[in-house]
Amino acid sequence: MAKKSMVEREKKRAKLVQKYAAKRAELNEIIKDQSRPMEERFKATLKLAELPRNSSATRLHNRCQLSGRPHAYYRKLKLSRIALRELGSNGYIPGMVKSSW
């Protein structure tokens, strides 16, 4: 089980990303538009830099839905390898059989 504080921090980041997504997209569009004047694009860059760092989507880290583990994460299932193995062993995942020899 991951530290509760780390899981909560990740939730907080996800909320910030969602809150500022539209504003970030709008500013990035202005910055990338070559037809706009350089001063306007530079002002948009400064406004983007003023936004909270944790509102950037690249700050998010995938975590297991059950344990909060950040490593060995399967995106398709949103589980870590340990949680996946445990659920598979108990028969909760249809079609998955734990191999033992």
Protein backbone atom coordinates (compact mmCIF):
# COMPACT_ATOMS: atom_id res chain seq x y z
CA MET A 1 0.00 0.00 0.00
CA ALA A 2 1.32 3.41 -0.99
CA LYS A 3 1.59 6.30 1.44
CA LYS A 4 -1.77 7.98 1.89
CA SER A 5 -0.21 11.42 1.46
CA MET A 6 1.19 10.52 -1.97
CA VAL A 7 -2.14 9.19 -3.18
CA GLU A 8 -3.91 12.33 -1.95
CA ARG A 9 -1.28 14.55 -3.58
CA GLU A 10 -1.88 12.77 -6.87
CA LYS A 11 -5.65 13.34 -6.53
CA LYS A 12 -4.99 17.03 -5.88
CA ARG A 13 -2.86 17.23 -9.03
CA ALA A 14 -5.59 15.55 -11.07
CA LYS A 15 -8.12 18.15 -9.87
CA LEU A 16 -5.75 21.00 -10.79
CA VAL A 17 -5.11 19.54 -14.24
CA GLN A 18 -8.85 19.33 -14.86
CA LYS A 19 -9.47 22.84 -13.52
CA TYR A 20 -6.84 24.56 -15.71
CA ALA A 21 -7.04 22.33 -18.81
CA ALA A 22 -9.09 24.75 -20.91
CA LYS A 23 -6.99 27.79 -19.98
CA ARG A 24 -3.74 25.92 -20.70
CA ALA A 25 -5.04 24.73 -24.08
CA GLU A 26 -6.09 28.26 -24.99
CA LEU A 27 -2.70 29.74 -24.04
CA ASN A 28 -0.79 26.98 -25.83
CA GLU A 29 -2.84 27.63 -28.96
CA ILE A 30 -1.89 31.34 -28.84
CA ILE A 31 1.79 30.49 -28.29
CA LYS A 32 1.93 28.08 -31.23
CA ASP A 33 0.08 30.37 -33.65
CA GLN A 34 2.82 31.87 -35.86
CA SER A 35 0.46 34.42 -37.42
CA ARG A 36 0.03 36.30 -34.13
CA PRO A 37 2.44 39.08 -33.13
CA MET A 38 5.52 38.09 -31.12
CA GLU A 39 4.55 40.32 -28.16
CA GLU A 40 1.16 38.63 -27.82
CA ARG A 41 2.74 35.19 -27.94
CA PHE A 42 5.31 36.20 -25.33
CA LYS A 43 2.56 37.52 -23.00
CA ALA A 44 0.74 34.21 -23.39
CA THR A 45 3.97 32.40 -22.44
CA LEU A 46 4.25 34.50 -19.28
CA LYS A 47 0.60 33.83 -18.38
CA LEU A 48 1.18 30.11 -18.89
CA ALA A 49 4.20 30.27 -16.57
CA GLU A 50 2.05 31.92 -13.88
CA LEU A 51 -0.30 28.92 -13.73
CA PRO A 52 0.39 26.35 -11.00
CA ARG A 53 3.02 23.81 -12.00
CA ASN A 54 0.86 20.95 -10.79
CA SER A 55 -1.83 21.95 -13.29
CA SER A 56 0.30 20.51 -16.09
CA ALA A 57 -0.84 17.07 -17.29
CA THR A 58 2.77 15.85 -17.43
CA ARG A 59 2.93 16.07 -13.64
CA LEU A 60 0.39 13.27 -13.25
CA HIS A 61 1.67 9.81 -12.41
CA ASN A 62 -0.29 6.62 -13.04
CA ARG A 63 -1.16 4.80 -9.82
CA CYS A 64 -2.87 1.50 -9.07
CA GLN A 65 -6.57 1.98 -8.25
CA LEU A 66 -6.41 -0.52 -5.37
CA SER A 67 -3.05 -0.03 -3.71
CA GLY A 68 -1.83 3.33 -5.05
CA ARG A 69 1.43 1.74 -6.20
CA PRO A 70 3.17 3.96 -8.81
CA HIS A 71 5.39 1.33 -10.46
CA ALA A 72 4.58 -1.79 -12.51
CA TYR A 73 1.27 -0.26 -13.63
CA TYR A 74 -0.90 -1.76 -16.39
CA ARG A 75 -2.68 1.14 -18.12
CA LYS A 76 -5.40 -0.97 -19.66
CA LEU A 77 -6.47 -2.38 -16.29
CA LYS A 78 -5.41 0.57 -14.07
CA LEU A 79 -3.81 -1.92 -11.67
CA SER A 80 -0.30 -2.72 -10.52
CA ARG A 81 1.21 -6.12 -11.25
CA ILE A 82 0.80 -7.16 -7.61
CA ALA A 83 -2.90 -6.25 -7.46
CA LEU A 84 -3.47 -7.87 -10.86
CA ARG A 85 -1.83 -11.11 -9.70
CA GLU A 86 -3.86 -11.12 -6.49
CA LEU A 87 -7.18 -10.54 -8.27
CA GLY A 88 -6.29 -13.13 -10.92
CA SER A 89 -5.42 -15.71 -8.27
CA ASN A 90 -8.73 -15.15 -6.50
CA GLY A 91 -10.64 -15.51 -9.79
CA TYR A 92 -11.99 -11.96 -9.98
CA ILE A 93 -10.68 -11.32 -13.50
CA PRO A 94 -12.57 -13.33 -16.14
CA GLY A 95 -10.35 -15.38 -18.43
CA MET A 96 -7.25 -14.99 -16.31
CA VAL A 97 -5.82 -18.10 -14.71
CA LYS A 98 -2.75 -18.05 -12.50
CA SER A 99 -0.17 -20.44 -13.81
CA SER A 100 1.76 -22.57 -11.35
CA TRP A 101 4.06 -25.45 -12.22
